[in-house]
């Protein structure tokens, strides 16, 4: 949480590789802030199109559960999707890596599994890699490099 909320807590990445008519965003932005008592953090993700911010696509709540001794993430989508999972340390420290595997539930009640890996550089930059679960295995979907604004 210290890593994501450092400085402005605002992280920006290019969407050039994935930009299309269906996804016209030049950049994506995440903003992270500690929640009350520094027992968690809240975040949001939105796009930048033609130099202007869009509305939020996702809202995040990451919190430490003191009894379970686990960090959880809850993700809420503008379209009604809901995700929940545990944030885990990979045990790799060069660079430090975290990951979260979550169940994403769609508005119609259907669900899919989602995996995100976060590689922290410690230099105001981190990489995220997202995966889909298909036919019993994780398939890499997208990689983004985020820079602290």
N, C-alpha and C. Protein backbone atom coordinates (compact mmCIF):
# COMPACT_ATOMS: atom_id res chain seq x y z
N UNK A 1 0.83 -1.19 0.00
CA UNK A 1 0.00 0.00 0.00
C UNK A 1 0.87 1.25 0.00
N UNK A 2 2.01 1.19 0.73
CA UNK A 2 2.92 2.33 0.71
C UNK A 2 3.40 2.61 -0.71
N UNK A 3 3.67 1.55 -1.45
CA UNK A 3 4.18 1.72 -2.81
C UNK A 3 3.17 2.42 -3.70
N UNK A 4 1.92 1.95 -3.70
CA UNK A 4 0.91 2.49 -4.60
C UNK A 4 0.47 3.91 -4.22
N UNK A 5 0.53 4.25 -2.94
CA UNK A 5 0.08 5.59 -2.50
C UNK A 5 1.23 6.59 -2.43
N UNK A 6 2.46 6.19 -2.80
CA UNK A 6 3.59 7.11 -2.72
C UNK A 6 3.36 8.36 -3.57
N UNK A 7 3.99 9.45 -3.17
CA UNK A 7 3.89 10.71 -3.93
C UNK A 7 2.45 11.12 -4.13
N UNK A 8 2.09 11.37 -5.38
CA UNK A 8 0.72 11.78 -5.70
C UNK A 8 -0.26 10.61 -5.66
N UNK A 9 0.26 9.37 -5.71
CA UNK A 9 -0.61 8.20 -5.78
C UNK A 9 -1.29 8.05 -7.13
N UNK A 10 -0.87 8.88 -8.10
CA UNK A 10 -1.46 8.86 -9.44
C UNK A 10 -0.47 8.20 -10.40
N UNK A 11 -0.93 7.14 -11.07
CA UNK A 11 -0.10 6.35 -11.99
C UNK A 11 -0.73 6.40 -13.38
N UNK A 12 0.11 6.60 -14.41
CA UNK A 12 -0.37 6.76 -15.78
C UNK A 12 0.33 5.75 -16.68
N UNK A 13 -0.42 5.18 -17.63
CA UNK A 13 0.16 4.26 -18.61
C UNK A 13 -0.41 4.56 -19.99
N UNK A 14 0.38 4.29 -21.00
CA UNK A 14 -0.05 4.45 -22.39
C UNK A 14 -0.96 3.28 -22.79
N UNK A 15 -1.94 3.57 -23.62
CA UNK A 15 -2.80 2.52 -24.16
C UNK A 15 -2.57 2.36 -25.67
N UNK A 16 -1.46 2.89 -26.19
CA UNK A 16 -1.20 2.85 -27.63
C UNK A 16 -1.32 1.45 -28.21
N UNK A 17 -0.82 0.46 -27.51
CA UNK A 17 -0.80 -0.91 -28.01
C UNK A 17 -2.21 -1.49 -28.18
N UNK A 18 -3.18 -1.01 -27.40
CA UNK A 18 -4.52 -1.61 -27.40
C UNK A 18 -5.60 -0.66 -27.92
N UNK A 19 -5.20 0.54 -28.31
CA UNK A 19 -6.17 1.55 -28.76
C UNK A 19 -6.87 1.07 -30.03
N UNK A 20 -8.22 1.27 -30.05
CA UNK A 20 -9.04 0.85 -31.19
C UNK A 20 -10.33 1.67 -31.18
N UNK A 21 -11.18 1.44 -32.16
CA UNK A 21 -12.48 2.12 -32.18
C UNK A 21 -13.29 1.74 -30.94
N UNK A 22 -13.17 0.49 -30.50
CA UNK A 22 -13.90 0.03 -29.32
C UNK A 22 -13.24 0.48 -28.01
N UNK A 23 -11.96 0.84 -28.10
CA UNK A 23 -11.20 1.26 -26.91
C UNK A 23 -10.36 2.50 -27.29
N UNK A 24 -11.00 3.67 -27.37
CA UNK A 24 -10.34 4.87 -27.94
C UNK A 24 -9.49 5.68 -26.95
N UNK A 25 -9.03 5.06 -25.88
CA UNK A 25 -8.34 5.82 -24.83
C UNK A 25 -6.84 5.88 -25.10
N UNK A 26 -6.29 7.08 -24.94
CA UNK A 26 -4.85 7.29 -25.15
C UNK A 26 -4.05 6.76 -23.98
N UNK A 27 -4.58 6.93 -22.79
CA UNK A 27 -3.91 6.52 -21.57
C UNK A 27 -4.94 6.00 -20.58
N UNK A 28 -4.43 5.26 -19.58
CA UNK A 28 -5.22 4.90 -18.41
C UNK A 28 -4.54 5.51 -17.19
N UNK A 29 -5.34 5.82 -16.19
CA UNK A 29 -4.84 6.43 -14.96
C UNK A 29 -5.45 5.69 -13.78
N UNK A 30 -4.61 5.37 -12.78
CA UNK A 30 -5.12 4.90 -11.50
C UNK A 30 -4.70 5.90 -10.44
N UNK A 31 -5.58 6.11 -9.50
CA UNK A 31 -5.30 6.99 -8.35
C UNK A 31 -5.54 6.19 -7.09
N UNK A 32 -4.56 6.23 -6.17
CA UNK A 32 -4.63 5.47 -4.93
C UNK A 32 -4.46 6.39 -3.74
N UNK A 33 -5.29 6.17 -2.72
CA UNK A 33 -5.20 6.91 -1.45
C UNK A 33 -5.45 5.94 -0.31
N UNK A 34 -4.75 6.20 0.81
CA UNK A 34 -5.01 5.40 2.00
C UNK A 34 -6.44 5.60 2.47
N UNK A 35 -7.01 4.56 3.02
CA UNK A 35 -8.31 4.67 3.68
C UNK A 35 -8.06 5.04 5.15
N UNK A 36 -9.11 5.18 5.89
CA UNK A 36 -9.03 5.58 7.30
C UNK A 36 -8.11 4.63 8.07
N UNK A 37 -7.20 5.19 8.85
CA UNK A 37 -6.32 4.40 9.70
C UNK A 37 -5.21 3.66 8.97
N UNK A 38 -5.04 3.90 7.68
CA UNK A 38 -4.04 3.22 6.86
C UNK A 38 -4.16 1.69 6.93
N UNK A 39 -5.39 1.22 7.11
CA UNK A 39 -5.64 -0.23 7.13
C UNK A 39 -6.05 -0.71 5.74
N UNK A 40 -6.06 0.19 4.79
CA UNK A 40 -6.43 -0.16 3.43
C UNK A 40 -6.18 1.03 2.51
N UNK A 41 -6.55 0.86 1.26
CA UNK A 41 -6.46 1.96 0.31
C UNK A 41 -7.62 1.84 -0.67
N UNK A 42 -7.97 2.99 -1.21
CA UNK A 42 -9.03 3.07 -2.20
C UNK A 42 -8.43 3.60 -3.49
N UNK A 43 -8.94 3.11 -4.61
CA UNK A 43 -8.42 3.54 -5.88
C UNK A 43 -9.50 3.61 -6.93
N UNK A 44 -9.13 4.21 -8.04
CA UNK A 44 -10.04 4.27 -9.18
C UNK A 44 -9.22 4.21 -10.45
N UNK A 45 -9.83 3.74 -11.52
CA UNK A 45 -9.19 3.69 -12.83
C UNK A 45 -10.11 4.36 -13.83
N UNK A 46 -9.50 5.24 -14.63
CA UNK A 46 -10.24 5.92 -15.69
C UNK A 46 -9.33 6.10 -16.88
N UNK A 47 -9.89 6.57 -17.99
CA UNK A 47 -9.11 6.77 -19.20
C UNK A 47 -8.88 8.24 -19.49
N UNK A 48 -7.96 8.48 -20.41
CA UNK A 48 -7.74 9.82 -20.96
C UNK A 48 -7.97 9.70 -22.47
N UNK A 49 -8.85 10.54 -22.97
CA UNK A 49 -9.17 10.56 -24.41
C UNK A 49 -9.11 12.00 -24.88
N UNK A 50 -8.30 12.24 -25.88
CA UNK A 50 -8.12 13.60 -26.41
C UNK A 50 -7.76 14.58 -25.31
N UNK A 51 -6.93 14.14 -24.38
CA UNK A 51 -6.44 15.00 -23.30
C UNK A 51 -7.40 15.21 -22.15
N UNK A 52 -8.57 14.57 -22.19
CA UNK A 52 -9.58 14.78 -21.14
C UNK A 52 -9.88 13.47 -20.42
N UNK A 53 -10.09 13.55 -19.09
CA UNK A 53 -10.41 12.32 -18.34
C UNK A 53 -11.83 11.84 -18.62
N UNK A 54 -11.98 10.52 -18.64
CA UNK A 54 -13.31 9.91 -18.77
C UNK A 54 -13.90 9.77 -17.37
N UNK A 55 -15.06 9.20 -17.30
CA UNK A 55 -15.59 8.78 -16.00
C UNK A 55 -14.83 7.55 -15.54
N UNK A 56 -15.04 7.17 -14.30
CA UNK A 56 -14.35 6.00 -13.75
C UNK A 56 -14.86 4.71 -14.39
N UNK A 57 -13.92 3.81 -14.70
CA UNK A 57 -14.26 2.47 -15.18
C UNK A 57 -14.34 1.50 -14.02
N UNK A 58 -13.41 1.65 -13.07
CA UNK A 58 -13.33 0.74 -11.93
C UNK A 58 -13.06 1.51 -10.65
N UNK A 59 -13.59 0.97 -9.57
CA UNK A 59 -13.32 1.47 -8.22
C UNK A 59 -12.74 0.29 -7.44
N UNK A 60 -11.69 0.56 -6.66
CA UNK A 60 -11.00 -0.50 -5.92
C UNK A 60 -10.99 -0.20 -4.43
N UNK A 61 -11.08 -1.25 -3.64
CA UNK A 61 -10.92 -1.16 -2.19
C UNK A 61 -10.01 -2.31 -1.77
N UNK A 62 -8.85 -1.96 -1.24
CA UNK A 62 -7.90 -2.95 -0.75
C UNK A 62 -7.82 -2.75 0.75
N UNK A 63 -7.95 -3.82 1.51
CA UNK A 63 -7.94 -3.67 2.96
C UNK A 63 -7.29 -4.87 3.62
N UNK A 64 -6.74 -4.63 4.78
CA UNK A 64 -6.12 -5.66 5.60
C UNK A 64 -7.15 -6.17 6.58
N UNK A 65 -7.35 -7.48 6.60
CA UNK A 65 -8.28 -8.11 7.54
C UNK A 65 -7.45 -8.64 8.71
N UNK A 66 -7.50 -7.99 9.87
CA UNK A 66 -6.60 -8.35 10.97
C UNK A 66 -6.82 -9.76 11.54
N UNK A 67 -8.03 -10.27 11.52
CA UNK A 67 -8.27 -11.61 12.04
C UNK A 67 -7.77 -12.67 11.05
N UNK A 68 -8.10 -12.50 9.77
CA UNK A 68 -7.67 -13.45 8.75
C UNK A 68 -6.18 -13.29 8.41
N UNK A 69 -5.62 -12.12 8.72
CA UNK A 69 -4.24 -11.77 8.38
C UNK A 69 -4.01 -11.89 6.88
N UNK A 70 -4.97 -11.32 6.14
CA UNK A 70 -4.97 -11.37 4.68
C UNK A 70 -5.34 -9.99 4.15
N UNK A 71 -4.73 -9.60 3.03
CA UNK A 71 -5.16 -8.38 2.32
C UNK A 71 -6.14 -8.81 1.24
N UNK A 72 -7.27 -8.15 1.20
CA UNK A 72 -8.31 -8.42 0.21
C UNK A 72 -8.42 -7.24 -0.75
N UNK A 73 -8.85 -7.53 -1.97
CA UNK A 73 -9.19 -6.49 -2.93
C UNK A 73 -10.62 -6.71 -3.38
N UNK A 74 -11.38 -5.61 -3.44
CA UNK A 74 -12.73 -5.61 -3.99
C UNK A 74 -12.71 -4.63 -5.15
N UNK A 75 -13.25 -5.06 -6.28
CA UNK A 75 -13.24 -4.25 -7.49
C UNK A 75 -14.67 -4.10 -7.97
N UNK A 76 -15.10 -2.86 -8.21
CA UNK A 76 -16.46 -2.57 -8.67
C UNK A 76 -16.38 -1.88 -10.02
N UNK A 77 -17.11 -2.41 -11.01
CA UNK A 77 -17.08 -1.85 -12.36
C UNK A 77 -18.25 -0.96 -12.65
N UNK A 78 -18.02 0.02 -13.51
CA UNK A 78 -19.08 0.96 -13.90
C UNK A 78 -20.25 0.22 -14.55
N UNK A 79 -19.98 -0.91 -15.19
CA UNK A 79 -21.04 -1.69 -15.84
C UNK A 79 -21.73 -2.68 -14.93
N UNK A 80 -21.37 -2.68 -13.62
CA UNK A 80 -22.03 -3.56 -12.67
C UNK A 80 -21.27 -4.81 -12.30
N UNK A 81 -20.06 -4.99 -12.84
CA UNK A 81 -19.25 -6.17 -12.46
C UNK A 81 -18.71 -5.99 -11.05
N UNK A 82 -18.48 -7.11 -10.37
CA UNK A 82 -17.97 -7.13 -9.00
C UNK A 82 -16.88 -8.19 -8.93
N UNK A 83 -15.75 -7.82 -8.32
CA UNK A 83 -14.67 -8.78 -8.15
C UNK A 83 -14.17 -8.78 -6.73
N UNK A 84 -13.71 -9.93 -6.25
CA UNK A 84 -13.12 -10.03 -4.93
C UNK A 84 -12.04 -11.10 -4.94
N UNK A 85 -10.94 -10.82 -4.23
CA UNK A 85 -9.85 -11.78 -4.14
C UNK A 85 -8.85 -11.37 -3.09
N UNK A 86 -7.81 -12.18 -2.93
CA UNK A 86 -6.73 -11.89 -1.97
C UNK A 86 -5.54 -11.30 -2.70
N UNK A 87 -4.87 -10.33 -2.07
CA UNK A 87 -3.62 -9.79 -2.57
C UNK A 87 -2.51 -10.58 -1.89
N UNK A 88 -1.62 -11.15 -2.68
CA UNK A 88 -0.57 -12.00 -2.13
C UNK A 88 0.80 -11.53 -2.59
N UNK A 89 1.79 -11.83 -1.78
CA UNK A 89 3.19 -11.56 -2.10
C UNK A 89 3.72 -12.80 -2.82
N UNK A 90 4.39 -12.60 -3.94
CA UNK A 90 4.90 -13.74 -4.72
C UNK A 90 6.12 -14.39 -4.08
N UNK A 91 6.77 -13.68 -3.15
CA UNK A 91 8.01 -14.19 -2.58
C UNK A 91 9.23 -13.76 -3.38
N UNK A 92 9.00 -13.16 -4.55
CA UNK A 92 10.10 -12.65 -5.38
C UNK A 92 10.33 -11.19 -5.01
N UNK A 93 11.56 -10.83 -4.80
CA UNK A 93 11.84 -9.47 -4.33
C UNK A 93 12.74 -8.65 -5.23
N UNK A 94 13.04 -9.11 -6.42
CA UNK A 94 13.90 -8.34 -7.31
C UNK A 94 13.34 -8.33 -8.72
N UNK A 95 12.35 -7.52 -9.04
CA UNK A 95 11.69 -6.55 -8.16
C UNK A 95 10.60 -7.22 -7.32
N UNK A 96 10.13 -6.52 -6.26
CA UNK A 96 9.02 -7.06 -5.48
C UNK A 96 7.80 -7.30 -6.38
N UNK A 97 7.12 -8.41 -6.15
CA UNK A 97 5.95 -8.74 -6.95
C UNK A 97 4.78 -9.13 -6.06
N UNK A 98 3.63 -8.62 -6.42
CA UNK A 98 2.38 -8.97 -5.75
C UNK A 98 1.45 -9.52 -6.83
N UNK A 99 0.46 -10.25 -6.41
CA UNK A 99 -0.54 -10.70 -7.36
C UNK A 99 -1.87 -10.85 -6.66
N UNK A 100 -2.92 -10.78 -7.44
CA UNK A 100 -4.23 -11.10 -6.91
C UNK A 100 -5.04 -11.85 -7.96
N UNK A 101 -5.60 -12.95 -7.47
CA UNK A 101 -6.50 -13.78 -8.26
C UNK A 101 -7.88 -13.49 -7.72
N UNK A 102 -8.79 -13.15 -8.61
CA UNK A 102 -10.12 -12.80 -8.11
C UNK A 102 -11.22 -13.42 -8.96
N UNK A 103 -12.34 -13.61 -8.30
CA UNK A 103 -13.55 -14.02 -9.00
C UNK A 103 -14.26 -12.75 -9.43
N UNK A 104 -14.52 -12.62 -10.74
CA UNK A 104 -15.27 -11.49 -11.27
C UNK A 104 -16.68 -11.97 -11.59
N UNK A 105 -17.67 -11.30 -10.98
CA UNK A 105 -19.07 -11.67 -11.19
C UNK A 105 -19.72 -10.58 -12.03
N UNK A 106 -20.32 -10.98 -13.13
CA UNK A 106 -20.96 -10.06 -14.06
C UNK A 106 -22.39 -9.75 -13.59
N UNK A 107 -22.98 -8.68 -14.12
CA UNK A 107 -24.34 -8.31 -13.69
C UNK A 107 -25.38 -9.41 -13.87
N UNK A 108 -25.16 -10.31 -14.84
CA UNK A 108 -26.12 -11.40 -15.05
C UNK A 108 -25.87 -12.59 -14.14
N UNK A 109 -24.86 -12.49 -13.25
CA UNK A 109 -24.56 -13.57 -12.31
C UNK A 109 -23.49 -14.53 -12.79
N UNK A 110 -23.10 -14.45 -14.05
CA UNK A 110 -22.03 -15.31 -14.54
C UNK A 110 -20.70 -14.85 -13.93
N UNK A 111 -19.72 -15.74 -13.90
CA UNK A 111 -18.45 -15.36 -13.30
C UNK A 111 -17.27 -15.89 -14.10
N UNK A 112 -16.14 -15.21 -13.93
CA UNK A 112 -14.88 -15.61 -14.55
C UNK A 112 -13.78 -15.39 -13.52
N UNK A 113 -12.65 -16.07 -13.73
CA UNK A 113 -11.49 -15.84 -12.87
C UNK A 113 -10.56 -14.85 -13.56
N UNK A 114 -9.90 -14.02 -12.77
CA UNK A 114 -9.05 -12.95 -13.27
C UNK A 114 -7.78 -12.94 -12.43
N UNK A 115 -6.64 -12.72 -13.06
CA UNK A 115 -5.37 -12.69 -12.35
C UNK A 115 -4.58 -11.46 -12.78
N UNK A 116 -4.00 -10.76 -11.81
CA UNK A 116 -3.14 -9.60 -12.08
C UNK A 116 -1.84 -9.77 -11.31
N UNK A 117 -0.72 -9.56 -11.98
CA UNK A 117 0.60 -9.55 -11.35
C UNK A 117 1.13 -8.12 -11.39
N UNK A 118 1.71 -7.68 -10.29
CA UNK A 118 2.26 -6.33 -10.19
C UNK A 118 3.74 -6.45 -9.86
N UNK A 119 4.59 -5.88 -10.72
CA UNK A 119 6.04 -5.89 -10.55
C UNK A 119 6.47 -4.48 -10.18
N UNK A 120 6.89 -4.25 -8.95
CA UNK A 120 7.27 -2.92 -8.48
C UNK A 120 8.74 -2.66 -8.79
N UNK A 121 9.03 -1.52 -9.41
CA UNK A 121 10.43 -1.22 -9.73
C UNK A 121 11.11 -0.44 -8.62
N UNK A 122 10.32 0.25 -7.80
CA UNK A 122 10.90 1.09 -6.76
C UNK A 122 11.37 2.43 -7.29
N UNK A 123 11.23 2.67 -8.58
CA UNK A 123 11.71 3.90 -9.21
C UNK A 123 10.55 4.71 -9.78
N UNK A 124 9.43 4.74 -9.07
CA UNK A 124 8.27 5.48 -9.58
C UNK A 124 7.66 4.84 -10.80
N UNK A 125 7.78 3.52 -10.88
CA UNK A 125 7.28 2.79 -12.04
C UNK A 125 6.93 1.37 -11.61
N UNK A 126 5.89 0.82 -12.19
CA UNK A 126 5.59 -0.60 -12.00
C UNK A 126 4.92 -1.15 -13.24
N UNK A 127 4.96 -2.48 -13.35
CA UNK A 127 4.37 -3.17 -14.49
C UNK A 127 3.23 -4.03 -13.98
N UNK A 128 2.12 -4.04 -14.73
CA UNK A 128 1.03 -4.96 -14.41
C UNK A 128 0.83 -5.88 -15.61
N UNK A 129 0.58 -7.15 -15.29
CA UNK A 129 0.29 -8.15 -16.31
C UNK A 129 -1.03 -8.79 -15.91
N UNK A 130 -2.00 -8.80 -16.82
CA UNK A 130 -3.30 -9.40 -16.52
C UNK A 130 -3.47 -10.69 -17.33
N UNK A 131 -4.24 -11.62 -16.76
CA UNK A 131 -4.44 -12.93 -17.35
C UNK A 131 -5.92 -13.30 -17.29
N UNK A 132 -6.34 -14.09 -18.27
CA UNK A 132 -7.66 -14.73 -18.28
C UNK A 132 -7.47 -16.21 -17.99
N UNK A 133 -8.46 -16.84 -17.37
CA UNK A 133 -8.41 -18.28 -17.11
C UNK A 133 -9.29 -18.96 -18.15
N UNK A 134 -8.64 -19.74 -19.04
CA UNK A 134 -9.37 -20.43 -20.10
C UNK A 134 -8.86 -21.85 -20.22
N UNK A 135 -9.80 -22.76 -20.35
CA UNK A 135 -9.47 -24.17 -20.56
C UNK A 135 -8.43 -24.68 -19.57
N UNK A 136 -8.59 -24.25 -18.29
CA UNK A 136 -7.76 -24.76 -17.21
C UNK A 136 -6.40 -24.12 -17.05
N UNK A 137 -6.13 -23.04 -17.77
CA UNK A 137 -4.83 -22.39 -17.60
C UNK A 137 -4.94 -20.86 -17.73
N UNK A 138 -3.93 -20.18 -17.17
CA UNK A 138 -3.88 -18.73 -17.23
C UNK A 138 -3.25 -18.31 -18.55
N UNK A 139 -3.95 -17.44 -19.30
CA UNK A 139 -3.49 -16.93 -20.59
C UNK A 139 -3.23 -15.43 -20.43
N UNK A 140 -1.99 -15.00 -20.75
CA UNK A 140 -1.66 -13.58 -20.62
C UNK A 140 -2.52 -12.74 -21.55
N UNK A 141 -3.05 -11.64 -20.99
CA UNK A 141 -3.95 -10.76 -21.72
C UNK A 141 -3.25 -9.45 -22.10
N UNK A 142 -2.79 -8.70 -21.11
CA UNK A 142 -2.21 -7.39 -21.36
C UNK A 142 -1.09 -7.09 -20.37
N UNK A 143 -0.15 -6.27 -20.83
CA UNK A 143 0.91 -5.77 -19.97
C UNK A 143 0.94 -4.26 -20.11
N UNK A 144 1.01 -3.58 -18.98
CA UNK A 144 1.13 -2.11 -18.97
C UNK A 144 2.28 -1.71 -18.05
N UNK A 145 2.99 -0.65 -18.41
CA UNK A 145 4.00 -0.05 -17.54
C UNK A 145 3.42 1.28 -17.07
N UNK A 146 3.30 1.43 -15.76
CA UNK A 146 2.70 2.61 -15.12
C UNK A 146 3.80 3.49 -14.55
N UNK A 147 3.65 4.79 -14.75
CA UNK A 147 4.62 5.75 -14.23
C UNK A 147 3.94 6.69 -13.25
N UNK A 148 4.61 6.97 -12.15
CA UNK A 148 4.08 7.86 -11.12
C UNK A 148 4.07 9.29 -11.67
N UNK A 149 2.93 9.92 -11.55
CA UNK A 149 2.78 11.31 -12.04
C UNK A 149 3.20 12.28 -10.97
